[in-house]
Protein backbone atom coordinates (compact mmCIF):
# COMPACT_ATOMS: atom_id res chain seq x y z
CA UNK A 1 -8.95 -2.36 -24.93
CA UNK A 2 -11.11 -1.99 -21.80
CA UNK A 3 -10.23 0.79 -19.40
CA UNK A 4 -8.13 -0.53 -16.52
CA UNK A 5 -9.84 -0.77 -13.14
CA UNK A 6 -8.63 1.16 -10.11
CA UNK A 7 -7.07 -2.00 -8.67
CA UNK A 8 -5.30 -2.78 -11.93
CA UNK A 9 -3.85 0.73 -12.10
CA UNK A 10 -2.88 0.55 -8.45
CA UNK A 11 -0.89 -2.64 -9.06
CA UNK A 12 1.24 -0.78 -11.62
CA UNK A 13 1.70 2.14 -9.22
CA UNK A 14 2.87 -0.19 -6.44
CA UNK A 15 5.30 -2.02 -8.70
CA UNK A 16 7.02 1.13 -9.92
CA UNK A 17 6.93 2.89 -6.53
CA UNK A 18 8.74 -0.09 -4.97
CA UNK A 19 11.31 -0.08 -7.78
CA UNK A 20 12.11 3.64 -7.56
CA UNK A 21 11.55 4.31 -3.85
CA UNK A 22 8.92 7.00 -4.34
CA UNK A 23 5.60 7.37 -2.52
CA UNK A 24 2.98 5.42 -4.49
CA UNK A 25 0.07 7.94 -4.14
CA UNK A 26 1.94 10.49 -6.27
CA UNK A 27 1.52 8.21 -9.29
CA UNK A 28 -2.21 7.86 -8.70
CA UNK A 29 -2.39 11.65 -8.33
CA UNK A 30 -0.59 12.26 -11.63
CA UNK A 31 -3.09 10.01 -13.38
CA UNK A 32 -6.01 11.94 -11.92
CA UNK A 33 -4.50 15.40 -12.40
CA UNK A 34 -3.48 14.87 -16.03
CA UNK A 35 -5.72 12.19 -17.59
CA UNK A 36 -3.54 12.63 -20.66
CA UNK A 37 -2.07 11.90 -23.11
CA UNK A 38 -4.29 9.40 -24.93
CA UNK A 39 -2.28 6.21 -25.34
CA UNK A 40 -1.96 3.47 -27.93
CA UNK A 41 -3.50 0.88 -25.58
CA UNK A 42 -6.68 2.91 -25.15
CA UNK A 43 -5.75 4.25 -21.71
CA UNK A 44 -4.87 7.77 -20.60
CA UNK A 45 -1.51 8.69 -19.18
CA UNK A 46 0.13 10.44 -16.26
CA UNK A 47 1.27 13.57 -18.07
CA UNK A 48 4.48 12.01 -19.38
CA UNK A 49 5.81 13.00 -22.81
CA UNK A 50 9.01 12.23 -24.77
CA UNK A 51 12.25 13.98 -23.91
CA UNK A 52 15.90 13.60 -24.86
CA UNK A 53 16.58 9.87 -25.24
CA UNK A 54 13.02 8.81 -24.35
CA UNK A 55 10.91 8.45 -27.48
CA UNK A 56 7.15 8.56 -27.95
CA UNK A 57 7.10 4.79 -28.50
CA UNK A 58 8.58 4.31 -25.01
CA UNK A 59 5.77 6.20 -23.22
CA UNK A 60 2.75 5.23 -25.32
CA UNK A 61 1.13 2.63 -23.04
CA UNK A 62 -0.16 2.88 -19.50
CA UNK A 63 2.55 0.67 -17.91
CA UNK A 64 5.24 2.73 -19.67
CA UNK A 65 3.65 5.99 -18.51
CA UNK A 66 3.76 4.73 -14.92
CA UNK A 67 7.34 3.52 -15.28
CA UNK A 68 8.64 6.83 -16.66
CA UNK A 69 6.52 8.87 -14.26
CA UNK A 70 8.23 7.06 -11.39
CA UNK A 71 11.64 7.68 -12.97
CA UNK A 72 10.80 11.35 -13.42
CA UNK A 73 9.62 11.85 -9.82
CA UNK A 74 12.87 10.28 -8.64
CA UNK A 75 14.93 12.52 -10.93
CA UNK A 76 12.98 15.61 -9.84
CA UNK A 77 13.67 14.75 -6.20
CA UNK A 78 17.39 14.36 -6.91
CA UNK A 79 17.39 17.69 -8.76
CA UNK A 80 15.77 19.50 -5.84
CA UNK A 81 18.25 17.97 -3.38
CA UNK A 82 21.09 19.17 -5.63
CA UNK A 83 19.55 22.66 -5.41
CA UNK A 84 19.77 22.57 -1.63
CA UNK A 85 16.40 21.18 -0.56
CA UNK A 86 16.54 19.24 2.70
CA UNK A 87 14.35 16.48 4.07
CA UNK A 88 11.63 18.70 5.54
CA UNK A 89 11.33 20.56 2.23
CA UNK A 90 10.43 17.31 0.48
CA UNK A 91 8.63 15.27 3.10
CA UNK A 92 6.06 15.84 5.85
CA UNK A 93 7.34 13.34 8.41
CA UNK A 94 4.38 13.66 10.77
CA UNK A 95 1.86 12.87 8.04
CA UNK A 96 4.14 10.42 6.18
CA UNK A 97 3.56 12.11 2.83
CA UNK A 98 5.17 14.56 0.41
CA UNK A 99 5.22 18.19 1.51
CA UNK A 100 3.02 20.85 -0.07
CA UNK A 101 6.19 22.49 -1.35
CA UNK A 102 7.21 19.34 -3.19
CA UNK A 103 3.72 18.82 -4.65
CA UNK A 104 3.83 22.38 -5.99
CA UNK A 105 7.13 21.59 -7.68
CA UNK A 106 5.64 18.42 -9.22
CA UNK A 107 2.65 20.39 -10.51
CA UNK A 108 5.01 22.80 -12.28
CA UNK A 109 6.31 19.90 -14.39
CA UNK A 110 9.86 18.76 -15.03
CA UNK A 111 12.17 18.88 -18.04
CA UNK A 112 15.02 16.36 -17.60
CA UNK A 113 18.65 17.07 -18.26
CA UNK A 114 20.17 15.56 -21.39
CA UNK A 115 22.20 13.19 -19.20
CA UNK A 116 19.06 11.67 -17.63
CA UNK A 117 18.50 8.91 -20.18
CA UNK A 118 15.65 7.16 -18.32
CA UNK A 119 13.71 10.32 -17.43
CA UNK A 120 10.90 11.73 -19.57
CA UNK A 121 9.21 15.12 -19.50
CA UNK A 122 6.50 15.70 -16.92
CA UNK A 123 3.92 18.23 -18.08
CA UNK A 124 2.53 20.87 -15.73
CA UNK A 125 -0.88 20.38 -14.10
CA UNK A 126 -3.25 22.06 -11.66
CA UNK A 127 -1.64 21.95 -8.23
CA UNK A 128 -4.94 21.83 -6.30
CA UNK A 129 -6.19 18.89 -8.36
CA UNK A 130 -2.86 17.10 -7.91
CA UNK A 131 -2.83 17.65 -4.17
CA UNK A 132 -6.44 16.58 -3.73
CA UNK A 133 -5.88 13.35 -5.67
CA UNK A 134 -2.60 12.64 -3.83
CA UNK A 135 -4.12 13.06 -0.37
CA UNK A 136 -7.18 10.98 -1.35
CA UNK A 137 -5.02 8.01 -2.37
CA UNK A 138 -2.76 8.47 0.66
CA UNK A 139 -5.78 8.53 2.97
CA UNK A 140 -7.16 5.33 1.44
CA UNK A 141 -3.92 3.48 2.23
CA UNK A 142 -3.83 4.88 5.76
CA UNK A 143 -7.45 4.04 6.52
CA UNK A 144 -6.95 0.47 5.35
CA UNK A 145 -4.36 -0.05 8.10
CA UNK A 146 -6.03 2.33 10.60
CA UNK A 147 -2.85 4.31 11.20
CA UNK A 148 -2.87 7.32 13.54
CA UNK A 149 -3.26 10.77 11.94
CA UNK A 150 0.26 11.81 12.97
CA UNK A 151 3.39 9.65 12.93
CA UNK A 152 5.71 11.73 15.06
CA UNK A 153 7.69 8.71 16.28
CA UNK A 154 8.01 6.82 13.00
CA UNK A 155 11.32 8.28 11.87
CA UNK A 156 13.04 7.44 15.16
CA UNK A 157 11.45 3.99 15.14
CA UNK A 158 12.89 3.37 11.68
CA UNK A 159 16.37 4.35 12.81
CA UNK A 160 16.10 2.27 16.00
CA UNK A 161 15.07 -0.71 13.90
CA UNK A 162 17.85 -0.42 11.32
CA UNK A 163 20.58 0.12 13.93
CA UNK A 164 19.78 -3.28 15.46
CA UNK A 165 19.69 -5.19 12.17
CA UNK A 166 23.36 -6.33 12.11
CA UNK A 167 22.99 -7.94 15.54
CA UNK A 168 19.88 -9.90 14.58
CA UNK A 169 20.84 -11.01 11.09
CA UNK A 170 21.04 -14.82 10.91
CA UNK A 171 21.22 -15.31 7.15
CA UNK A 172 17.57 -16.04 6.42
CA UNK A 173 16.59 -15.38 2.78
CA UNK A 174 13.97 -12.75 3.63
CA UNK A 175 16.47 -10.91 5.85
CA UNK A 176 19.09 -10.82 3.10
CA UNK A 177 16.51 -9.74 0.56
CA UNK A 178 15.32 -6.96 2.89
CA UNK A 179 18.82 -5.54 3.31
CA UNK A 180 19.59 -5.80 -0.40
CA UNK A 181 16.37 -3.95 -1.26
CA UNK A 182 17.27 -1.22 1.24
CA UNK A 183 20.64 -0.80 -0.48
CA UNK A 184 19.03 -0.73 -3.91
CA UNK A 185 16.48 1.95 -3.06
CA UNK A 186 18.93 4.02 -1.00
CA UNK A 187 21.40 4.08 -3.90
CA UNK A 188 18.64 4.75 -6.51
CA UNK A 189 19.25 1.49 -8.38
CA UNK A 190 16.61 -0.27 -10.46
CA UNK A 191 17.42 -3.95 -10.05
CA UNK A 192 18.77 -6.55 -7.67
CA UNK A 193 21.69 -7.15 -10.04
CA UNK A 194 22.67 -3.48 -9.89
CA UNK A 195 22.60 -3.59 -6.09
CA UNK A 196 24.84 -6.69 -6.07
CA UNK A 197 27.23 -4.97 -8.47
CA UNK A 198 27.38 -1.96 -6.15
CA UNK A 199 28.22 -4.11 -3.12
CA UNK A 200 30.60 -6.57 -4.83
CA UNK A 201 31.73 -5.06 -8.16
CA UNK A 202 34.35 -7.76 -8.71
CA UNK A 203 32.21 -10.74 -7.68
CA UNK A 204 28.85 -10.15 -9.34
CA UNK A 205 28.52 -13.60 -10.91
CA UNK A 206 29.61 -15.42 -7.76
CA UNK A 207 27.33 -13.37 -5.50
CA UNK A 208 24.38 -13.87 -7.85
CA UNK A 209 24.63 -17.64 -7.43
CA UNK A 210 25.74 -17.55 -3.77
CA UNK A 211 23.88 -14.88 -1.82
CA UNK A 212 25.87 -15.51 1.37
CA UNK A 213 28.80 -13.62 -0.17
CA UNK A 214 26.71 -10.48 0.28
CA UNK A 215 26.43 -10.81 4.05
CA UNK A 216 29.53 -8.84 5.06
CA UNK A 217 29.04 -5.86 2.69
CA UNK A 218 25.33 -5.77 3.51
CA UNK A 219 26.06 -5.57 7.23
CA UNK A 220 28.63 -2.85 6.64
CA UNK A 221 26.22 -0.79 4.56
CA UNK A 222 23.35 -1.13 7.02
CA UNK A 223 25.65 -0.14 9.91
CA UNK A 224 26.35 3.18 8.18
CA UNK A 225 22.76 4.11 7.37
CA UNK A 226 21.87 5.93 10.58
CA UNK A 227 24.90 8.23 10.31
CA UNK A 228 23.98 9.22 6.73
CA UNK A 229 20.21 9.51 7.17
CA UNK A 230 18.92 12.97 6.23
CA UNK A 231 15.20 12.37 6.03
CA UNK A 232 14.96 12.30 2.24
CA UNK A 233 11.86 10.46 0.97
CA UNK A 234 13.93 7.84 -0.82
CA UNK A 235 15.96 7.10 2.31
CA UNK A 236 12.77 6.75 4.31
CA UNK A 237 11.27 4.41 1.72
CA UNK A 238 14.44 2.31 1.78
CA UNK A 239 14.06 1.78 5.52
CA UNK A 240 10.35 1.07 5.25
CA UNK A 241 11.05 -1.48 2.52
CA UNK A 242 13.67 -3.04 4.78
CA UNK A 243 11.09 -3.37 7.56
CA UNK A 244 8.42 -4.60 5.16
CA UNK A 245 10.52 -7.48 3.83
CA UNK A 246 12.37 -8.27 7.07
CA UNK A 247 9.08 -8.81 8.88
CA UNK A 248 7.43 -10.43 5.84
CA UNK A 249 4.41 -8.14 5.92
CA UNK A 250 1.88 -7.53 3.16
CA UNK A 251 2.11 -3.77 2.72
CA UNK A 252 4.16 -0.66 3.45
CA UNK A 253 1.41 0.52 5.80
CA UNK A 254 1.59 -2.73 7.79
CA UNK A 255 5.30 -2.10 8.21
CA UNK A 256 4.57 1.35 9.62
CA UNK A 257 1.97 -0.02 12.03
CA UNK A 258 4.36 -2.72 13.24
CA UNK A 259 7.13 -0.19 13.93
CA UNK A 260 4.84 1.95 16.07
CA UNK A 261 4.49 -0.92 18.54
CA UNK A 262 7.84 -2.74 18.27
CA UNK A 263 11.22 -1.68 16.88
CA UNK A 264 13.08 -4.91 17.53
CA UNK A 265 14.27 -6.85 14.46
CA UNK A 266 14.24 -10.06 16.49
CA UNK A 267 12.46 -12.76 14.52
CA UNK A 268 9.52 -14.51 16.11
CA UNK A 269 9.79 -18.23 16.74
CA UNK A 270 7.30 -18.82 13.94
CA UNK A 271 10.24 -18.63 11.52
CA UNK A 272 11.36 -22.09 12.64
CA UNK A 273 7.98 -23.71 11.96
CA UNK A 274 9.02 -25.05 8.52
CA UNK A 275 12.05 -26.74 10.08
CA UNK A 276 9.96 -28.17 12.92
CA UNK A 277 7.37 -29.59 10.53
CA UNK A 278 10.14 -30.98 8.30
CA UNK A 279 11.53 -32.73 11.39
CA UNK A 280 8.11 -34.16 12.20
CA UNK A 281 7.54 -35.31 8.60
CA UNK A 282 10.81 -37.26 8.71
CA UNK A 283 10.15 -38.98 12.05
CA UNK A 284 8.09 -41.98 10.86
CA UNK A 285 10.89 -43.10 8.53
CA UNK A 286 13.72 -42.19 10.91
CA UNK A 287 12.26 -43.81 14.04
CA UNK A 288 14.16 -46.97 15.06
CA UNK A 289 12.70 -47.55 18.51
CA UNK A 290 15.83 -46.48 20.41
CA UNK A 291 15.31 -45.32 23.97
CA UNK A 292 16.47 -41.74 23.26
CA UNK A 293 14.12 -41.50 20.30
CA UNK A 294 11.20 -42.86 22.30
CA UNK A 295 11.97 -40.42 25.10
CA UNK A 296 11.98 -37.50 22.64
CA UNK A 297 8.52 -38.40 21.37
CA UNK A 298 7.11 -39.08 24.83
CA UNK A 299 8.29 -35.67 26.03
CA UNK A 300 6.85 -34.01 22.93
CA UNK A 301 3.51 -35.75 23.52
CA UNK A 302 3.54 -34.64 27.18
CA UNK A 303 4.11 -30.98 26.35
CA UNK A 304 1.71 -31.02 23.41
CA UNK A 305 -1.13 -32.33 25.58
CA UNK A 306 -0.04 -30.33 28.67
CA UNK A 307 0.41 -33.44 30.83
CA UNK A 308 2.40 -33.32 34.05
CA UNK A 309 4.19 -36.69 34.04
CA UNK A 310 5.39 -39.61 31.94
CA UNK A 311 2.80 -41.80 33.64
CA UNK A 312 0.08 -39.45 32.42
CA UNK A 313 1.46 -39.79 28.89
CA UNK A 314 1.29 -43.58 29.07
CA UNK A 315 -2.30 -43.48 30.29
CA UNK A 316 -3.25 -41.04 27.51
CA UNK A 317 -1.72 -43.47 25.01
CA UNK A 318 -3.74 -46.37 26.40
CA UNK A 319 -0.93 -48.04 28.38
CA UNK A 320 -1.13 -48.79 32.09
CA UNK A 321 2.15 -47.57 33.69
CA UNK A 322 1.89 -50.34 36.29
CA UNK A 323 2.22 -52.95 33.56
CA UNK A 324 5.64 -51.59 32.64
CA UNK A 325 6.80 -51.88 36.23
CA UNK A 326 5.54 -55.46 36.40
CA UNK A 327 7.23 -56.30 33.09
CA UNK A 328 10.75 -55.35 34.08
CA UNK A 329 11.65 -59.01 34.46
CA UNK A 330 9.44 -60.39 31.69
CA UNK A 331 11.32 -59.22 28.61
CA UNK A 332 8.69 -60.47 26.16
CA UNK A 333 5.96 -58.46 27.87
CA UNK A 334 8.21 -55.43 28.01
CA UNK A 335 8.95 -55.66 24.28
CA UNK A 336 5.24 -55.93 23.55
CA UNK A 337 4.51 -52.84 25.61
CA UNK A 338 7.33 -50.94 23.90
CA UNK A 339 5.93 -51.93 20.50
CA UNK A 340 2.49 -50.73 21.53
CA UNK A 341 3.94 -47.46 22.82
CA UNK A 342 5.90 -46.93 19.59
CA UNK A 343 2.81 -47.54 17.50
CA UNK A 344 0.79 -44.97 19.46
CA UNK A 345 3.60 -42.41 19.41
CA UNK A 346 4.03 -42.72 15.64
CA UNK A 347 0.27 -42.38 15.20
CA UNK A 348 0.50 -39.14 17.19
CA UNK A 349 3.48 -37.95 15.11
CA UNK A 350 1.70 -38.56 11.80
CA UNK A 351 -1.18 -36.34 12.94
CA UNK A 352 1.04 -33.43 13.97
CA UNK A 353 1.42 -31.60 10.62
CA UNK A 354 -2.35 -31.46 10.18
CA UNK A 355 -3.08 -30.49 13.79
CA UNK A 356 -0.32 -27.91 14.31
CA UNK A 357 -1.92 -24.52 15.02
CA UNK A 358 1.31 -22.57 15.71
CA UNK A 359 0.42 -22.07 19.36
CA UNK A 360 3.25 -21.46 21.82
CA UNK A 361 2.82 -24.72 23.73
CA UNK A 362 2.67 -26.78 20.53
CA UNK A 363 5.82 -25.14 19.21
CA UNK A 364 7.64 -25.70 22.51
CA UNK A 365 6.63 -29.36 22.40
CA UNK A 366 8.22 -29.77 18.97
CA UNK A 367 11.32 -27.78 19.96
CA UNK A 368 11.83 -30.02 22.99
CA UNK A 369 11.37 -33.19 20.91
CA UNK A 370 13.89 -31.90 18.38
CA UNK A 371 16.37 -31.09 21.16
CA UNK A 372 16.13 -34.55 22.71
CA UNK A 373 16.16 -36.31 19.33
CA UNK A 374 19.33 -34.46 18.29
CA UNK A 375 20.86 -34.73 21.80
CA UNK A 376 21.48 -30.97 22.03
CA UNK A 377 22.59 -29.54 25.34
CA UNK A 378 20.60 -26.28 25.46
CA UNK A 379 17.48 -24.69 24.02
CA UNK A 380 19.56 -21.93 22.43
CA UNK A 381 21.61 -24.49 20.51
CA UNK A 382 18.37 -26.10 19.40
CA UNK A 383 16.91 -22.82 18.16
CA UNK A 384 20.08 -21.91 16.29
CA UNK A 385 20.15 -25.24 14.47
CA UNK A 386 16.45 -24.91 13.59
CA UNK A 387 17.03 -21.40 12.23
CA UNK A 388 19.88 -22.68 10.08
CA UNK A 389 17.67 -25.47 8.76
CA UNK A 390 14.89 -22.98 7.98
CA UNK A 391 17.08 -21.44 5.28
CA UNK A 392 15.18 -23.05 2.42
CA UNK A 393 17.62 -21.84 -0.21
CA UNK A 394 20.25 -24.16 1.19
CA UNK A 395 17.97 -27.20 1.02
CA UNK A 396 18.62 -28.79 -2.37
CA UNK A 397 16.00 -31.17 -3.77
CA UNK A 398 16.74 -34.90 -3.84
CA UNK A 399 19.38 -34.71 -1.09
CA UNK A 400 19.31 -35.71 2.56
CA UNK A 401 19.18 -32.01 3.46
CA UNK A 402 16.07 -31.33 1.37
CA UNK A 403 12.79 -30.62 3.10
CA UNK A 404 10.52 -33.67 2.82
CA UNK A 405 7.30 -33.69 0.84
CA UNK A 406 4.20 -33.28 3.03
CA UNK A 407 2.66 -36.55 4.16
CA UNK A 408 -1.03 -37.12 3.63
CA UNK A 409 -3.03 -37.98 6.72
CA UNK A 410 -6.78 -38.31 7.10
CA UNK A 411 -8.46 -38.67 10.50
CA UNK A 412 -11.09 -41.33 11.07
CA UNK A 413 -14.37 -40.44 9.42
CA UNK A 414 -17.14 -39.62 11.95
CA UNK A 415 -20.48 -41.39 11.88
CA UNK A 416 -22.32 -38.10 11.40
CA UNK A 417 -21.08 -34.68 10.32
CA UNK A 418 -21.43 -31.71 12.68
CA UNK A 419 -20.07 -28.15 12.50
CA UNK A 420 -17.32 -29.23 14.91
CA UNK A 421 -16.02 -32.37 13.17
CA UNK A 422 -15.94 -31.43 9.48
CA UNK A 423 -12.83 -32.75 7.71
CA UNK A 424 -12.26 -30.32 4.89
CA UNK A 425 -10.80 -32.84 2.41
CA UNK A 426 -13.23 -35.65 3.15
CA UNK A 427 -16.07 -36.62 0.84
CA UNK A 428 -19.41 -35.46 2.19
CA UNK A 429 -21.04 -38.83 1.64
CA UNK A 430 -18.99 -41.97 2.04
CA UNK A 431 -17.27 -42.98 -1.23
CA UNK A 432 -18.84 -39.94 -2.91
CA UNK A 433 -17.26 -37.47 -5.30
CA UNK A 434 -18.16 -34.20 -3.56
CA UNK A 435 -15.98 -32.91 -0.72
CA UNK A 436 -16.30 -30.29 1.98
CA UNK A 437 -13.67 -28.29 0.08
CA UNK A 438 -16.20 -27.75 -2.70
CA UNK A 439 -19.13 -27.13 -0.38
CA UNK A 440 -17.34 -24.49 1.70
CA UNK A 441 -15.28 -22.72 -0.97
CA UNK A 442 -12.06 -24.19 0.35
CA UNK A 443 -13.06 -23.65 3.98
CA UNK A 444 -13.89 -19.97 3.48
CA UNK A 445 -17.55 -20.43 4.45
CA UNK A 446 -17.91 -23.14 7.05
CA UNK A 447 -21.44 -24.14 8.10
CA UNK A 448 -22.28 -22.42 11.39
CA UNK A 449 -24.96 -24.84 12.61
CA UNK A 450 -26.30 -28.36 12.25
CA UNK A 451 -29.14 -27.28 9.97
CA UNK A 452 -26.64 -26.01 7.39
CA UNK A 453 -24.53 -29.16 7.69
CA UNK A 454 -27.62 -31.30 7.10
CA UNK A 455 -28.62 -29.20 4.09
CA UNK A 456 -25.18 -29.64 2.52
CA UNK A 457 -25.29 -33.40 3.11
CA UNK A 458 -28.80 -33.54 1.62
CA UNK A 459 -27.84 -31.90 -1.68
CA UNK A 460 -24.56 -33.87 -1.81
CA UNK A 461 -26.53 -37.13 -1.82
CA UNK A 462 -28.81 -35.90 -4.60
CA UNK A 463 -25.95 -34.37 -6.59
CA UNK A 464 -24.10 -37.68 -6.42
CA UNK A 465 -27.09 -39.40 -8.03
CA UNK A 466 -27.12 -36.74 -10.74
CA UNK A 467 -23.41 -37.10 -11.36
CA UNK A 468 -23.70 -40.87 -11.58
CA UNK A 469 -26.56 -40.49 -14.05
CA UNK A 470 -24.61 -38.08 -16.27
CA UNK A 471 -21.41 -40.12 -15.94
CA UNK A 472 -19.07 -37.12 -15.95
CA UNK A 473 -17.45 -34.92 -13.25
CA UNK A 474 -19.29 -31.86 -11.92
CA UNK A 475 -17.02 -28.84 -11.48
CA UNK A 476 -18.53 -26.84 -8.61
CA UNK A 477 -18.64 -23.06 -9.06
CA UNK A 478 -20.80 -22.19 -6.05
CA UNK A 479 -22.30 -24.10 -3.12
CA UNK A 480 -22.85 -22.84 0.42
CA UNK A 481 -22.56 -19.04 0.55
CA UNK A 482 -23.81 -17.21 3.66
CA UNK A 483 -25.19 -13.67 3.55
CA UNK A 484 -22.11 -11.58 4.32
CA UNK A 485 -22.76 -8.34 2.45
CA UNK A 486 -25.25 -6.74 0.05
CA UNK A 487 -22.98 -7.67 -2.87
CA UNK A 488 -22.89 -11.33 -1.85
CA UNK A 489 -26.64 -11.19 -1.17
CA UNK A 490 -27.28 -10.16 -4.77
CA UNK A 491 -25.07 -12.91 -6.22
CA UNK A 492 -26.26 -15.75 -3.98
CA UNK A 493 -29.52 -17.67 -4.29
CA UNK A 494 -31.60 -18.13 -1.16
CA UNK A 495 -31.00 -21.88 -1.23
CA UNK A 496 -27.22 -21.44 -1.51
CA UNK A 497 -27.46 -19.40 1.68
CA UNK A 498 -29.18 -22.41 3.28
CA UNK A 499 -26.62 -24.82 1.83
CA UNK A 500 -28.80 -27.23 -0.16
CA UNK A 501 -28.11 -25.79 -3.64
CA UNK A 502 -25.11 -25.71 -5.92
CA UNK A 503 -24.05 -24.40 -9.31
CA UNK A 504 -21.71 -26.36 -11.53
CA UNK A 505 -20.42 -27.01 -15.01
CA UNK A 506 -20.19 -30.53 -16.38
CA UNK A 507 -17.01 -31.38 -18.19
CA UNK A 508 -17.57 -31.55 -21.95
CA UNK A 509 -21.32 -30.85 -21.85
CA UNK A 510 -23.45 -27.76 -22.30
CA UNK A 511 -25.99 -26.71 -19.70
CA UNK A 512 -28.76 -27.70 -22.11
CA UNK A 513 -27.39 -31.24 -22.41
CA UNK A 514 -27.20 -31.58 -18.62
CA UNK A 515 -30.68 -30.10 -18.24
CA UNK A 516 -32.25 -32.48 -20.76
CA UNK A 517 -30.62 -35.47 -19.06
CA UNK A 518 -31.72 -34.50 -15.55
CA UNK A 519 -35.12 -32.94 -16.16
CA UNK A 520 -37.25 -36.10 -16.35
CA UNK A 521 -36.32 -37.42 -12.90
CA UNK A 522 -34.86 -34.51 -10.87
CA UNK A 523 -37.43 -33.70 -8.17
CA UNK A 524 -36.04 -30.38 -6.92
CA UNK A 525 -34.95 -27.15 -8.61
CA UNK A 526 -33.09 -27.34 -11.92
CA UNK A 527 -31.94 -24.24 -13.76
CA UNK A 528 -29.75 -23.08 -16.62
CA UNK A 529 -28.56 -19.75 -17.95
CA UNK A 530 -28.71 -18.01 -21.31
CA UNK A 531 -25.82 -15.76 -20.35
CA UNK A 532 -23.60 -18.65 -19.23
CA UNK A 533 -24.36 -21.61 -21.54
CA UNK A 534 -22.38 -24.17 -19.52
CA UNK A 535 -23.62 -23.26 -16.03
CA UNK A 536 -26.24 -25.42 -14.29
CA UNK A 537 -27.99 -25.07 -10.94
CA UNK A 538 -29.64 -27.74 -8.81
CA UNK A 539 -31.23 -27.53 -5.38
CA UNK A 540 -32.99 -29.85 -2.95
CA UNK A 541 -36.36 -28.14 -2.63
CA UNK A 542 -39.28 -30.52 -2.14
CA UNK A 543 -41.03 -29.76 -5.43
CA UNK A 544 -40.14 -29.55 -9.13
CA UNK A 545 -38.97 -26.12 -10.31
CA UNK A 546 -37.42 -25.31 -13.69
CA UNK A 547 -36.04 -22.04 -15.08
CA UNK A 548 -33.97 -20.46 -17.81
CA UNK A 549 -32.47 -17.05 -17.04
């Protein structure tokens, strides 16, 4: 088996550190400091060997070594606390890392008690090597998030954050999950089910299927955390995990960075975006042309486009406000104008999901439309209802309460493509098979100028002829790729950096078959690879070029 990469090993470290509430870099350090034993899967371990109820077969692969190393660090920490160690003995709060004293204890190894059935033996190692590896991994995580060298205020920020949690809890799934994870890590439990059993020992089955039963005991537990906080590493990790999941951040370090600037658990209004878009998706089918409905959409249009009056809305929609005033007696004319207004409003509504950029004014426009549509008295009532509807776990499929499926909407195709008007899902040439999704790697590399746009269109036209000639789909592996770094520079051909070249595989055919079919008439560059026998390359240079590499 191939040796695991650093990223692969790190994924195992993160998984087990989150489960046990230990600091992830200690696992990376154990791997570096021990590089033993040799394991059945061809890897090397973290210095873990069998002990008591843990057999050799249970610690003979890399994932198992990481799992039992995490268990053992947790058990060692508990043992030291039982011996009288306090928070500052175990943890350097300013640096957000284990103390030198604790690292020395880890380097001495650990022999578990007979009662510790999930803890293996940790062999001794060189303390300097362990410390150097630990700090190197810790520094990598810190540099990624650009955290300050000292975190003197972090502990107080954590406590300020957790003390406010009960007041801001509104039953969202991520909030409940965050609190449950905090309980699990704080109480040294390994699974969600164990945490539920701790909170509701007599209602485990019911709480597993209905998470809302956990709300009261979760609030009660969180309310008592500050009074029982002693600065132990596991307690600190429980609060960081709470922050991490509550704020739906990517990493532990992002959670730290967020706390240094804001300790409020108040959710941002972005949490109601799914409910707002669900409301918008339902409007075309729900709209019946009633005056209150029309008013809700007109007001939403006004706020969305930052217009100052209803008359300005009508003008923007192509309706002369004076005609409405003149038509107050002529009912037929008034109905015709209302029909025209409804048609334009619904056209606007259908575009909203694709055009929504989560800006404050756009969100306020949708909130106001929702409020008027539902005839709610205040903005606070509106927000509360939207928050309740954002709870996706309560939205059962195939019911009226379920979130609707996204509607497809394509804007009108422009006469000519420019960097400003590219429609990512549109075909590059009209009725063609190649889209801007393929040309731009899903929008990752958008053409910065007209020359690049023209180059992409040029090769798309030629590639369409090639595809039609072969009669089978081309699966694009690489198209436009700008020069972003030396690594990309090495992997990208000069013509791919221009945009008029692409690499592809053809479904069911080898590169040789494609090459032989295209070679007689293809006027640009045509290449194939010995290393990758299905990969072809074409480009739009002005002369014939052929290669095999």
